[in-house]
Amino acid sequence: MTENTELQLDSDVKAYIEHVHASLASFATAPTPLEFRQWTSELFAKQGEPVHRVDTRYIEIPTRHGAMKAKLYMPEDPNPALLVYMHGGGMIVGDIEGLDYPLHRVSRDAGVAVLSLDYALAPEHMYPVALEQCQDALTWAAANRQVLGVGQSLGVAGDSAGGNLTALLALWARDNGGPALRWQGMLNPNPDFISVETMGTESHRLFANGPILTNEVMQFFIQAYFGGGDTEQAKIEASPALRDNLTGLPPAFLGVGEYDPLRDDAVAYGERLSSAGVPATVHVFDGLVHNFVAMTHISKRADDAVAEFIGAARAALNGTDENA
């Protein structure tokens, strides 16, 4: 672990990281994916009850890989815009309850319905199952706006692994006549699996051992998601930053922590989007680390960062952003 004393970490985030590492130390050996999944669920459950509540309900969405559970957050606004959201977790951990705390606030303060997807996880379901489920869910949501009680405005968003899925969904919708998207929001996304494997950026090298997300953990995630054997082409296909053509995509918001190993990849992807003529806003949030969206309950700085995301979603999806 990188010595936090060398970094200008937000003090509340630093205390949270110390708690996380103390909890991980309880494992005598490296946890299995199932053990890591259970540990993550228990950690996220400690965010407590949401302060900013909206109405919620669970639904099932048909996909080519079977029914997928989802959670719909509904603000008081009539016929709100719909934001389809994918949680993070390296494609092997995480669920729709893990970000319940911040998603209530996103829905209320952005004035949008949020459809949070419980996509299938690796290693039980490897690439491209999760992506294909999210494609099917996006298509279903666009065709069932009346059932959901939402308006025409549609966006996609996610954090970490969900940020990767967000970017891939925007590309898929563009290339396959998918639903028209007004916005894509990505928080600490992974746009380039090859860069992660090769530690191809300065931030990968600086933060290979933390503060919270390590290269070792990311390699573990990649192995579980793609499996063994010749998977190079799959990793390239799953890396939006490696696509030749990024034109014609919806306006984008990218937010990443200063001390996140994925920082430089996220910034570079935002710059490529801008160069392709896509309105893209990139925020590098001082003092924050990977997965800050799950730290809003303990860190004002993380809460302020998510507020930037919320403001961008509100402007783009509710028609106040001239780029949308």
C-alpha atoms as a PDB file:
ATOM      1  CA  MET A   1       0.000   0.000   0.000  1.00  0.00           C
ATOM      2  CA  THR A   2       1.251   3.460  -0.876  1.00  0.00           C
ATOM      3  CA  GLU A   3       2.005   5.456   2.251  1.00  0.00           C
ATOM      4  CA  ASN A   4      -0.943   7.797   2.678  1.00  0.00           C
ATOM      5  CA  THR A   5       1.299  10.308   4.421  1.00  0.00           C
ATOM      6  CA  GLU A   6       2.909  10.989   1.048  1.00  0.00           C
ATOM      7  CA  LEU A   7      -0.440  11.863  -0.497  1.00  0.00           C
ATOM      8  CA  GLN A   8      -2.767  14.754   0.156  1.00  0.00           C
ATOM      9  CA  LEU A   9      -5.694  12.458   0.779  1.00  0.00           C
ATOM     10  CA  ASP A  10      -8.993  13.749   2.018  1.00  0.00           C
ATOM     11  CA  SER A  11      -8.819  13.028   5.754  1.00  0.00           C
ATOM     12  CA  ASP A  12     -12.148  11.189   5.871  1.00  0.00           C
ATOM     13  CA  VAL A  13     -11.174   9.073   2.871  1.00  0.00           C
ATOM     14  CA  LYS A  14      -7.854   8.236   4.525  1.00  0.00           C
ATOM     15  CA  ALA A  15      -9.661   6.962   7.626  1.00  0.00           C
ATOM     16  CA  TYR A  16     -12.016   4.929   5.436  1.00  0.00           C
ATOM     17  CA  ILE A  17      -9.083   3.334   3.590  1.00  0.00           C
ATOM     18  CA  GLU A  18      -7.455   2.369   6.872  1.00  0.00           C
ATOM     19  CA  HIS A  19     -10.713   0.689   7.897  1.00  0.00           C
ATOM     20  CA  VAL A  20     -10.919  -1.169   4.566  1.00  0.00           C
ATOM     21  CA  HIS A  21      -7.377  -2.495   4.835  1.00  0.00           C
ATOM     22  CA  ALA A  22      -7.908  -3.586   8.418  1.00  0.00           C
ATOM     23  CA  SER A  23     -11.001  -5.482   7.316  1.00  0.00           C
ATOM     24  CA  LEU A  24      -9.184  -7.140   4.409  1.00  0.00           C
ATOM     25  CA  ALA A  25      -6.464  -8.273   6.799  1.00  0.00           C
ATOM     26  CA  SER A  26      -9.009 -10.643   8.341  1.00  0.00           C
ATOM     27  CA  PHE A  27      -8.561 -12.968   5.350  1.00  0.00           C
ATOM     28  CA  ALA A  28      -5.830 -15.514   6.094  1.00  0.00           C
ATOM     29  CA  THR A  29      -5.370 -16.111   2.355  1.00  0.00           C
ATOM     30  CA  ALA A  30      -6.420 -14.276  -0.784  1.00  0.00           C
ATOM     31  CA  PRO A  31     -10.237 -14.292  -0.897  1.00  0.00           C
ATOM     32  CA  THR A  32     -12.067 -16.214  -3.584  1.00  0.00           C
ATOM     33  CA  PRO A  33     -14.407 -14.246  -5.875  1.00  0.00           C
ATOM     34  CA  LEU A  34     -17.372 -15.394  -3.770  1.00  0.00           C
ATOM     35  CA  GLU A  35     -15.673 -14.355  -0.518  1.00  0.00           C
ATOM     36  CA  PHE A  36     -14.660 -11.013  -2.022  1.00  0.00           C
ATOM     37  CA  ARG A  37     -18.245 -10.510  -3.203  1.00  0.00           C
ATOM     38  CA  GLN A  38     -19.654 -11.131   0.264  1.00  0.00           C
ATOM     39  CA  TRP A  39     -17.059  -8.871   1.888  1.00  0.00           C
ATOM     40  CA  THR A  40     -17.839  -6.059  -0.558  1.00  0.00           C
ATOM     41  CA  SER A  41     -21.588  -6.350   0.043  1.00  0.00           C
ATOM     42  CA  GLU A  42     -21.066  -6.124   3.789  1.00  0.00           C
ATOM     43  CA  LEU A  43     -18.747  -3.121   3.406  1.00  0.00           C
ATOM     44  CA  PHE A  44     -21.190  -1.198   1.206  1.00  0.00           C
ATOM     45  CA  ALA A  45     -24.081  -2.012   3.540  1.00  0.00           C
ATOM     46  CA  LYS A  46     -22.325   0.106   6.173  1.00  0.00           C
ATOM     47  CA  GLN A  47     -23.140   3.282   4.233  1.00  0.00           C
ATOM     48  CA  GLY A  48     -26.346   3.363   6.229  1.00  0.00           C
ATOM     49  CA  GLU A  49     -29.832   4.492   5.319  1.00  0.00           C
ATOM     50  CA  PRO A  50     -30.110   6.981   2.445  1.00  0.00           C
ATOM     51  CA  VAL A  51     -30.645  10.576   3.525  1.00  0.00           C
ATOM     52  CA  HIS A  52     -32.259  11.654   0.259  1.00  0.00           C
ATOM     53  CA  ARG A  53     -35.004   9.109  -0.407  1.00  0.00           C
ATOM     54  CA  VAL A  54     -37.139   8.594  -3.495  1.00  0.00           C
ATOM     55  CA  ASP A  55     -39.639   5.857  -4.291  1.00  0.00           C
ATOM     56  CA  THR A  56     -38.102   2.581  -5.457  1.00  0.00           C
ATOM     57  CA  ARG A  57     -39.290  -0.705  -6.855  1.00  0.00           C
ATOM     58  CA  TYR A  58     -37.670  -3.887  -8.146  1.00  0.00           C
ATOM     59  CA  ILE A  59     -38.321  -5.141 -11.640  1.00  0.00           C
ATOM     60  CA  GLU A  60     -37.127  -7.979 -13.848  1.00  0.00           C
ATOM     61  CA  ILE A  61     -35.802  -7.283 -17.320  1.00  0.00           C
ATOM     62  CA  PRO A  62     -35.686 -10.013 -19.985  1.00  0.00           C
ATOM     63  CA  THR A  63     -32.256 -10.521 -21.571  1.00  0.00           C
ATOM     64  CA  ARG A  64     -30.714 -13.104 -23.897  1.00  0.00           C
ATOM     65  CA  HIS A  65     -28.998 -14.535 -20.786  1.00  0.00           C
ATOM     66  CA  GLY A  66     -32.150 -14.804 -18.709  1.00  0.00           C
ATOM     67  CA  ALA A  67     -34.095 -12.397 -16.536  1.00  0.00           C
ATOM     68  CA  MET A  68     -32.035  -9.696 -14.840  1.00  0.00           C
ATOM     69  CA  LYS A  69     -33.042  -7.942 -11.643  1.00  0.00           C
ATOM     70  CA  ALA A  70     -33.020  -4.152 -11.566  1.00  0.00           C
ATOM     71  CA  LYS A  71     -33.974  -1.412  -9.127  1.00  0.00           C
ATOM     72  CA  LEU A  72     -35.874   1.656 -10.283  1.00  0.00           C
ATOM     73  CA  TYR A  73     -35.510   4.949  -8.401  1.00  0.00           C
ATOM     74  CA  MET A  74     -38.319   7.423  -9.114  1.00  0.00           C
ATOM     75  CA  PRO A  75     -38.219  11.132  -8.223  1.00  0.00           C
ATOM     76  CA  GLU A  76     -41.352  13.184  -7.711  1.00  0.00           C
ATOM     77  CA  ASP A  77     -40.917  14.863 -11.102  1.00  0.00           C
ATOM     78  CA  PRO A  78     -43.571  13.799 -13.650  1.00  0.00           C
ATOM     79  CA  ASN A  79     -42.306  11.743 -16.618  1.00  0.00           C
ATOM     80  CA  PRO A  80     -38.670  12.091 -15.600  1.00  0.00           C
ATOM     81  CA  ALA A  81     -35.709  11.361 -17.830  1.00  0.00           C
ATOM     82  CA  LEU A  82     -34.268   7.871 -17.398  1.00  0.00           C
ATOM     83  CA  LEU A  83     -30.669   7.130 -16.456  1.00  0.00           C
ATOM     84  CA  VAL A  84     -29.639   3.482 -16.852  1.00  0.00           C
ATOM     85  CA  TYR A  85     -26.899   2.843 -14.279  1.00  0.00           C
ATOM     86  CA  MET A  86     -24.249   0.091 -13.976  1.00  0.00           C
ATOM     87  CA  HIS A  87     -22.444  -0.429 -10.657  1.00  0.00           C
ATOM     88  CA  GLY A  88     -18.727  -1.046 -10.311  1.00  0.00           C
ATOM     89  CA  GLY A  89     -16.813  -3.971  -8.883  1.00  0.00           C
ATOM     90  CA  GLY A  90     -14.334  -5.172 -11.477  1.00  0.00           C
ATOM     91  CA  MET A  91     -17.047  -7.294 -13.133  1.00  0.00           C
ATOM     92  CA  ILE A  92     -16.852  -9.822 -10.280  1.00  0.00           C
ATOM     93  CA  VAL A  93     -18.296  -8.028  -7.222  1.00  0.00           C
ATOM     94  CA  GLY A  94     -20.978  -5.450  -6.516  1.00  0.00           C
ATOM     95  CA  ASP A  95     -24.765  -5.454  -6.735  1.00  0.00           C
ATOM     96  CA  ILE A  96     -27.710  -3.069  -6.968  1.00  0.00           C
ATOM     97  CA  GLU A  97     -27.801  -2.527  -3.204  1.00  0.00           C
ATOM     98  CA  GLY A  98     -24.176  -1.373  -2.965  1.00  0.00           C
ATOM     99  CA  LEU A  99     -24.871   2.126  -4.288  1.00  0.00           C
ATOM    100  CA  ASP A 100     -28.351   2.526  -2.856  1.00  0.00           C
ATOM    101  CA  TYR A 101     -27.165   5.406  -0.671  1.00  0.00           C
ATOM    102  CA  PRO A 102     -25.897   7.692  -3.472  1.00  0.00           C
ATOM    103  CA  LEU A 103     -28.433   6.625  -6.128  1.00  0.00           C
ATOM    104  CA  HIS A 104     -31.369   7.873  -4.059  1.00  0.00           C
ATOM    105  CA  ARG A 105     -29.674  11.262  -4.116  1.00  0.00           C
ATOM    106  CA  VAL A 106     -28.851  11.089  -7.831  1.00  0.00           C
ATOM    107  CA  SER A 107     -32.498  10.442  -8.608  1.00  0.00           C
ATOM    108  CA  ARG A 108     -33.852  13.156  -6.332  1.00  0.00           C
ATOM    109  CA  ASP A 109     -31.350  15.924  -7.029  1.00  0.00           C
ATOM    110  CA  ALA A 110     -30.955  15.299 -10.770  1.00  0.00           C
ATOM    111  CA  GLY A 111     -34.701  14.841 -11.161  1.00  0.00           C
ATOM    112  CA  VAL A 112     -34.226  11.614 -13.110  1.00  0.00           C
ATOM    113  CA  ALA A 113     -35.401   8.040 -12.780  1.00  0.00           C
ATOM    114  CA  VAL A 114     -32.444   5.726 -12.220  1.00  0.00           C
ATOM    115  CA  LEU A 115     -32.617   2.134 -13.423  1.00  0.00           C
ATOM    116  CA  SER A 116     -29.823   0.277 -11.622  1.00  0.00           C
ATOM    117  CA  LEU A 117     -28.902  -3.031 -13.280  1.00  0.00           C
ATOM    118  CA  ASP A 118     -27.897  -6.217 -11.445  1.00  0.00           C
ATOM    119  CA  TYR A 119     -25.887  -7.617 -14.346  1.00  0.00           C
ATOM    120  CA  ALA A 120     -24.293 -11.073 -14.208  1.00  0.00           C
ATOM    121  CA  LEU A 121     -20.844 -11.323 -12.621  1.00  0.00           C
ATOM    122  CA  ALA A 122     -17.669 -13.200 -13.478  1.00  0.00           C
ATOM    123  CA  PRO A 123     -16.184 -15.743 -13.195  1.00  0.00           C
ATOM    124  CA  GLU A 124     -19.560 -17.501 -13.419  1.00  0.00           C
ATOM    125  CA  HIS A 125     -20.477 -15.280 -16.372  1.00  0.00           C
ATOM    126  CA  MET A 126     -17.489 -14.007 -18.326  1.00  0.00           C
ATOM    127  CA  TYR A 127     -17.257 -11.383 -21.074  1.00  0.00           C
ATOM    128  CA  PRO A 128     -19.459 -10.511 -22.949  1.00  0.00           C
ATOM    129  CA  VAL A 129     -22.426 -11.679 -20.834  1.00  0.00           C
ATOM    130  CA  ALA A 130     -22.686  -8.555 -18.646  1.00  0.00           C
ATOM    131  CA  LEU A 131     -22.365  -6.254 -21.650  1.00  0.00           C
ATOM    132  CA  GLU A 132     -25.011  -8.141 -23.616  1.00  0.00           C
ATOM    133  CA  GLN A 133     -27.381  -8.056 -20.658  1.00  0.00           C
ATOM    134  CA  CYS A 134     -26.913  -4.290 -20.394  1.00  0.00           C
ATOM    135  CA  GLN A 135     -27.521  -3.889 -24.128  1.00  0.00           C
ATOM    136  CA  ASP A 136     -30.779  -5.823 -23.795  1.00  0.00           C
ATOM    137  CA  ALA A 137     -31.787  -3.828 -20.721  1.00  0.00           C
ATOM    138  CA  LEU A 138     -31.163  -0.523 -22.490  1.00  0.00           C
ATOM    139  CA  THR A 139     -33.255  -1.644 -25.467  1.00  0.00           C
ATOM    140  CA  TRP A 140     -36.021  -2.891 -23.166  1.00  0.00           C
ATOM    141  CA  ALA A 141     -36.047   0.309 -21.108  1.00  0.00           C
ATOM    142  CA  ALA A 142     -36.321   2.476 -24.227  1.00  0.00           C
ATOM    143  CA  ALA A 143     -39.250   0.378 -25.473  1.00  0.00           C
ATOM    144  CA  ASN A 144     -41.027   0.334 -22.112  1.00  0.00           C
ATOM    145  CA  ARG A 145     -40.910   3.981 -21.080  1.00  0.00           C
ATOM    146  CA  GLN A 146     -44.652   4.002 -20.401  1.00  0.00           C
ATOM    147  CA  VAL A 147     -44.408   0.930 -18.170  1.00  0.00           C
ATOM    148  CA  LEU A 148     -41.588   2.565 -16.233  1.00  0.00           C
ATOM    149  CA  GLY A 149     -43.363   5.922 -16.077  1.00  0.00           C
ATOM    150  CA  VAL A 150     -40.531   7.910 -17.653  1.00  0.00           C
ATOM    151  CA  GLY A 151     -40.150  10.386 -20.489  1.00  0.00           C
ATOM    152  CA  GLN A 152     -38.186  10.278 -23.732  1.00  0.00           C
ATOM    153  CA  SER A 153     -34.822  11.559 -22.471  1.00  0.00           C
ATOM    154  CA  LEU A 154     -32.407   8.668 -21.928  1.00  0.00           C
ATOM    155  CA  GLY A 155     -28.836   8.408 -20.616  1.00  0.00           C
ATOM    156  CA  VAL A 156     -26.379   5.802 -19.378  1.00  0.00           C
ATOM    157  CA  ALA A 157     -23.956   5.989 -16.473  1.00  0.00           C
ATOM    158  CA  GLY A 158     -21.811   3.877 -14.210  1.00  0.00           C
ATOM    159  CA  ASP A 159     -18.756   3.722 -12.006  1.00  0.00           C
ATOM    160  CA  SER A 160     -15.537   1.717 -12.421  1.00  0.00           C
ATOM    161  CA  ALA A 161     -16.515  -1.476 -14.277  1.00  0.00           C
ATOM    162  CA  GLY A 162     -19.895   0.163 -14.796  1.00  0.00           C
ATOM    163  CA  GLY A 163     -18.095   3.094 -16.402  1.00  0.00           C
ATOM    164  CA  ASN A 164     -16.570   0.668 -18.883  1.00  0.00           C
ATOM    165  CA  LEU A 165     -20.033  -0.739 -19.634  1.00  0.00           C
ATOM    166  CA  THR A 166     -21.368   2.806 -20.012  1.00  0.00           C
ATOM    167  CA  ALA A 167     -18.841   3.696 -22.698  1.00  0.00           C
ATOM    168  CA  LEU A 168     -19.403   0.395 -24.496  1.00  0.00           C
ATOM    169  CA  LEU A 169     -23.180   0.882 -24.438  1.00  0.00           C
ATOM    170  CA  ALA A 170     -22.834   4.322 -26.007  1.00  0.00           C
ATOM    171  CA  LEU A 171     -20.671   2.853 -28.779  1.00  0.00           C
ATOM    172  CA  TRP A 172     -23.029  -0.078 -29.296  1.00  0.00           C
ATOM    173  CA  ALA A 173     -26.101   2.182 -29.495  1.00  0.00           C
ATOM    174  CA  ARG A 174     -24.355   4.363 -32.080  1.00  0.00           C
ATOM    175  CA  ASP A 175     -23.221   1.440 -34.232  1.00  0.00           C
ATOM    176  CA  ASN A 176     -26.337  -0.731 -34.047  1.00  0.00           C
ATOM    177  CA  GLY A 177     -29.240   1.666 -34.279  1.00  0.00           C
ATOM    178  CA  GLY A 178     -29.796   1.464 -30.548  1.00  0.00           C
ATOM    179  CA  PRO A 179     -31.759   3.893 -28.410  1.00  0.00           C
ATOM    180  CA  ALA A 180     -30.853   7.573 -28.801  1.00  0.00           C
ATOM    181  CA  LEU A 181     -28.775   8.654 -25.804  1.00  0.00           C
ATOM    182  CA  ARG A 182     -28.562  12.219 -24.557  1.00  0.00           C
ATOM    183  CA  TRP A 183     -25.680  11.646 -22.128  1.00  0.00           C
ATOM    184  CA  GLN A 184     -23.079   9.228 -20.798  1.00  0.00           C
ATOM    185  CA  GLY A 185     -21.671   9.633 -17.283  1.00  0.00           C
ATOM    186  CA  MET A 186     -18.579   7.749 -16.107  1.00  0.00           C
ATOM    187  CA  LEU A 187     -17.078   7.780 -12.618  1.00  0.00           C
ATOM    188  CA  ASN A 188     -13.553   6.343 -12.258  1.00  0.00           C
ATOM    189  CA  PRO A 189     -14.052   4.217 -15.386  1.00  0.00           C
ATOM    190  CA  ASN A 190     -11.744   1.615 -16.855  1.00  0.00           C
ATOM    191  CA  PRO A 191     -11.690   2.399 -20.601  1.00  0.00           C
ATOM    192  CA  ASP A 192      -8.608   0.307 -21.472  1.00  0.00           C
ATOM    193  CA  PHE A 193      -7.937  -3.237 -20.239  1.00  0.00           C
ATOM    194  CA  ILE A 194      -4.634  -3.408 -22.117  1.00  0.00           C
ATOM    195  CA  SER A 195      -3.357  -0.322 -20.300  1.00  0.00           C
ATOM    196  CA  VAL A 196      -4.274  -1.924 -16.971  1.00  0.00           C
ATOM    197  CA  GLU A 197      -2.446  -5.150 -17.857  1.00  0.00           C
ATOM    198  CA  THR A 198       0.714  -3.371 -18.993  1.00  0.00           C
ATOM    199  CA  MET A 199       0.565  -0.585 -16.370  1.00  0.00           C
ATOM    200  CA  GLY A 200       0.823   1.745 -19.324  1.00  0.00           C
ATOM    201  CA  THR A 201       0.309   5.111 -17.651  1.00  0.00           C
ATOM    202  CA  GLU A 202       1.983   7.162 -14.947  1.00  0.00           C
ATOM    203  CA  SER A 203      -0.998   6.802 -12.597  1.00  0.00           C
ATOM    204  CA  HIS A 204      -0.871   3.005 -12.934  1.00  0.00           C
ATOM    205  CA  ARG A 205       2.762   3.045 -11.912  1.00  0.00           C
ATOM    206  CA  LEU A 206       2.360   5.628  -9.131  1.00  0.00           C
ATOM    207  CA  PHE A 207      -0.614   3.899  -7.506  1.00  0.00           C
ATOM    208  CA  ALA A 208       0.080   0.264  -8.337  1.00  0.00           C
ATOM    209  CA  ASN A 209      -0.106  -0.523  -4.613  1.00  0.00           C
ATOM    210  CA  GLY A 210      -2.992   1.701  -3.652  1.00  0.00           C
ATOM    211  CA  PRO A 211      -4.156   3.717  -1.798  1.00  0.00           C
ATOM    212  CA  ILE A 212      -7.249   1.474  -2.291  1.00  0.00           C
ATOM    213  CA  LEU A 213      -7.327  -0.124  -5.746  1.00  0.00           C
ATOM    214  CA  THR A 214      -4.153  -2.038  -6.585  1.00  0.00           C
ATOM    215  CA  ASN A 215      -2.728  -3.477  -9.770  1.00  0.00           C
ATOM    216  CA  GLU A 216      -2.804  -6.937  -8.217  1.00  0.00           C
ATOM    217  CA  VAL A 217      -6.553  -6.666  -7.613  1.00  0.00           C
ATOM    218  CA  MET A 218      -7.179  -5.364 -11.139  1.00  0.00           C
ATOM    219  CA  GLN A 219      -5.230  -8.273 -12.644  1.00  0.00           C
ATOM    220  CA  PHE A 220      -7.378 -10.608 -10.528  1.00  0.00           C
ATOM    221  CA  PHE A 221     -10.513  -8.960 -11.930  1.00  0.00           C
ATOM    222  CA  ILE A 222      -9.291  -9.209 -15.529  1.00  0.00           C
ATOM    223  CA  GLN A 223      -8.446 -12.912 -15.178  1.00  0.00           C
ATOM    224  CA  ALA A 224     -11.898 -13.631 -13.762  1.00  0.00           C
ATOM    225  CA  TYR A 225     -13.692 -11.580 -16.425  1.00  0.00           C
ATOM    226  CA  PHE A 226     -11.891 -12.873 -19.507  1.00  0.00           C
ATOM    227  CA  GLY A 227     -10.567 -16.243 -18.330  1.00  0.00           C
ATOM    228  CA  GLY A 228      -7.409 -17.913 -19.533  1.00  0.00           C
ATOM    229  CA  GLY A 229      -6.190 -18.660 -23.023  1.00  0.00           C
ATOM    230  CA  ASP A 230      -6.037 -16.285 -25.959  1.00  0.00           C
ATOM    231  CA  THR A 231      -8.241 -13.405 -24.808  1.00  0.00           C
ATOM    232  CA  GLU A 232      -6.314 -10.477 -26.286  1.00  0.00           C
ATOM    233  CA  GLN A 233      -8.943  -9.683 -28.911  1.00  0.00           C
ATOM    234  CA  ALA A 234     -11.734  -9.788 -26.336  1.00  0.00           C
ATOM    235  CA  LYS A 235      -9.841  -7.346 -24.119  1.00  0.00           C
ATOM    236  CA  ILE A 236      -9.390  -4.998 -27.078  1.00  0.00           C
ATOM    237  CA  GLU A 237     -13.097  -5.233 -27.967  1.00  0.00           C
ATOM    238  CA  ALA A 238     -14.000  -4.486 -24.338  1.00  0.00           C
ATOM    239  CA  SER A 239     -11.753  -1.396 -24.254  1.00  0.00           C
ATOM    240  CA  PRO A 240     -13.612   1.669 -25.580  1.00  0.00           C
ATOM    241  CA  ALA A 241     -10.391   3.707 -25.584  1.00  0.00           C
ATOM    242  CA  LEU A 242      -9.002   1.376 -28.251  1.00  0.00           C
ATOM    243  CA  ARG A 243     -11.794   2.050 -30.756  1.00  0.00           C
ATOM    244  CA  ASP A 244     -10.681   3.920 -33.845  1.00  0.00           C
ATOM    245  CA  ASN A 245     -13.873   5.967 -34.219  1.00  0.00           C
ATOM    246  CA  LEU A 246     -15.328   7.888 -31.274  1.00  0.00           C
ATOM    247  CA  THR A 247     -17.375  10.362 -33.304  1.00  0.00           C
ATOM    248  CA  GLY A 248     -21.142  10.682 -32.981  1.00  0.00           C
ATOM    249  CA  LEU A 249     -21.321   9.703 -29.315  1.00  0.00           C
ATOM    250  CA  PRO A 250     -23.479  11.466 -26.707  1.00  0.00           C
ATOM    251  CA  PRO A 251     -21.989  14.197 -24.498  1.00  0.00           C
ATOM    252  CA  ALA A 252     -19.845  12.711 -21.753  1.00  0.00           C
ATOM    253  CA  PHE A 253     -18.920  13.370 -18.137  1.00  0.00           C
ATOM    254  CA  LEU A 254     -15.837  11.673 -16.700  1.00  0.00           C
ATOM    255  CA  GLY A 255     -14.959  12.009 -13.029  1.00  0.00           C
ATOM    256  CA  VAL A 256     -11.932  10.358 -11.447  1.00  0.00           C
ATOM    257  CA  GLY A 257     -10.001  10.600  -8.209  1.00  0.00           C
ATOM    258  CA  GLU A 258      -6.555  12.186  -8.096  1.00  0.00           C
ATOM    259  CA  TYR A 259      -5.064   9.013  -6.552  1.00  0.00           C
ATOM    260  CA  ASP A 260      -6.783   6.439  -8.750  1.00  0.00           C
ATOM    261  CA  PRO A 261      -4.568   4.189 -10.914  1.00  0.00           C
ATOM    262  CA  LEU A 262      -7.219   4.581 -13.631  1.00  0.00           C
ATOM    263  CA  ARG A 263      -6.892   8.383 -13.550  1.00  0.00           C
ATOM    264  CA  ASP A 264      -4.743   8.824 -16.638  1.00  0.00           C
ATOM    265  CA  ASP A 265      -6.789   6.349 -18.681  1.00  0.00           C
ATOM    266  CA  ALA A 266      -9.989   8.239 -17.856  1.00  0.00           C
ATOM    267  CA  VAL A 267      -8.428  11.603 -18.707  1.00  0.00           C
ATOM    268  CA  ALA A 268      -7.015  10.264 -21.977  1.00  0.00           C
ATOM    269  CA  TYR A 269     -10.411   8.837 -22.960  1.00  0.00           C
ATOM    270  CA  GLY A 270     -12.058  12.180 -22.270  1.00  0.00           C
ATOM    271  CA  GLU A 271      -9.460  13.916 -24.410  1.00  0.00           C
ATOM    272  CA  ARG A 272     -10.036  11.461 -27.256  1.00  0.00           C
ATOM    273  CA  LEU A 273     -13.770  12.061 -27.066  1.00  0.00           C
ATOM    274  CA  SER A 274     -13.206  15.807 -27.265  1.00  0.00           C
ATOM    275  CA  SER A 275     -10.857  15.387 -30.218  1.00  0.00           C
ATOM    276  CA  ALA A 276     -13.596  13.391 -31.955  1.00  0.00           C
ATOM    277  CA  GLY A 277     -16.024  16.267 -31.530  1.00  0.00           C
ATOM    278  CA  VAL A 278     -17.904  14.813 -28.567  1.00  0.00           C
ATOM    279  CA  PRO A 279     -18.629  17.350 -25.800  1.00  0.00           C
ATOM    280  CA  ALA A 280     -16.715  15.844 -22.880  1.00  0.00           C
ATOM    281  CA  THR A 281     -16.166  17.197 -19.389  1.00  0.00           C
ATOM    282  CA  VAL A 282     -13.337  15.653 -17.363  1.00  0.00           C
ATOM    283  CA  HIS A 283     -12.925  16.229 -13.623  1.00  0.00           C
ATOM    284  CA  VAL A 284      -9.935  15.013 -11.620  1.00  0.00           C
ATOM    285  CA  PHE A 285     -11.059  15.338  -8.015  1.00  0.00           C
ATOM    286  CA  ASP A 286      -8.313  16.349  -5.589  1.00  0.00           C
ATOM    287  CA  GLY A 287      -7.662  14.085  -2.627  1.00  0.00           C
ATOM    288  CA  LEU A 288      -9.988  11.302  -3.790  1.00  0.00           C
ATOM    289  CA  VAL A 289      -9.360   7.680  -4.690  1.00  0.00           C
ATOM    290  CA  HIS A 290     -11.035   4.961  -6.696  1.00  0.00           C
ATOM    291  CA  ASN A 291     -14.683   4.250  -5.868  1.00  0.00           C
ATOM    292  CA  PHE A 292     -15.301   7.608  -4.175  1.00  0.00           C
ATOM    293  CA  VAL A 293     -18.978   7.334  -5.162  1.00  0.00           C
ATOM    294  CA  ALA A 294     -19.339   4.810  -2.314  1.00  0.00           C
ATOM    295  CA  MET A 295     -17.761   7.236   0.186  1.00  0.00           C
ATOM    296  CA  THR A 296     -20.278  10.083   0.091  1.00  0.00           C
ATOM    297  CA  HIS A 297     -21.613   9.047   3.483  1.00  0.00           C
ATOM    298  CA  ILE A 298     -18.273   9.792   5.167  1.00  0.00           C
ATOM    299  CA  SER A 299     -16.509  12.347   2.964  1.00  0.00           C
ATOM    300  CA  LYS A 300     -17.761  15.824   2.053  1.00  0.00           C
ATOM    301  CA  ARG A 301     -15.190  15.964  -0.733  1.00  0.00           C
ATOM    302  CA  ALA A 302     -16.570  12.727  -2.229  1.00  0.00           C
ATOM    303  CA  ASP A 303     -20.086  14.059  -1.773  1.00  0.00           C
ATOM    304  CA  ASP A 304     -19.158  17.266  -3.599  1.00  0.00           C
ATOM    305  CA  ALA A 305     -17.648  15.235  -6.445  1.00  0.00           C
ATOM    306  CA  VAL A 306     -20.836  13.227  -6.860  1.00  0.00           C
ATOM    307  CA  ALA A 307     -22.754  16.524  -6.787  1.00  0.00           C
ATOM    308  CA  GLU A 308     -20.799  17.540  -9.912  1.00  0.00           C
ATOM    309  CA  PHE A 309     -21.937  14.315 -11.577  1.00  0.00           C
ATOM    310  CA  ILE A 310     -25.520  14.966 -10.506  1.00  0.00           C
ATOM    311  CA  GLY A 311     -25.437  18.504 -11.879  1.00  0.00           C
ATOM    312  CA  ALA A 312     -24.157  17.273 -15.225  1.00  0.00           C
ATOM    313  CA  ALA A 313     -26.854  14.579 -15.399  1.00  0.00           C
ATOM    314  CA  ARG A 314     -29.582  17.074 -14.543  1.00  0.00           C
ATOM    315  CA  ALA A 315     -28.411  19.561 -17.177  1.00  0.00           C
ATOM    316  CA  ALA A 316     -27.986  16.983 -19.946  1.00  0.00           C
ATOM    317  CA  LEU A 317     -31.072  14.852 -19.361  1.00  0.00           C
ATOM    318  CA  ASN A 318     -33.517  17.607 -18.479  1.00  0.00           C
ATOM    319  CA  GLY A 319     -32.706  19.783 -21.451  1.00  0.00           C
ATOM    320  CA  THR A 320     -30.697  22.593 -19.854  1.00  0.00           C
ATOM    321  CA  ASP A 321     -27.381  21.586 -21.444  1.00  0.00           C
ATOM    322  CA  GLU A 322     -26.991  23.018 -24.942  1.00  0.00           C
ATOM    323  CA  ASN A 323     -24.607  20.156 -25.856  1.00  0.00           C
ATOM    324  CA  ALA A 324     -27.166  17.451 -25.111  1.00  0.00           C
END
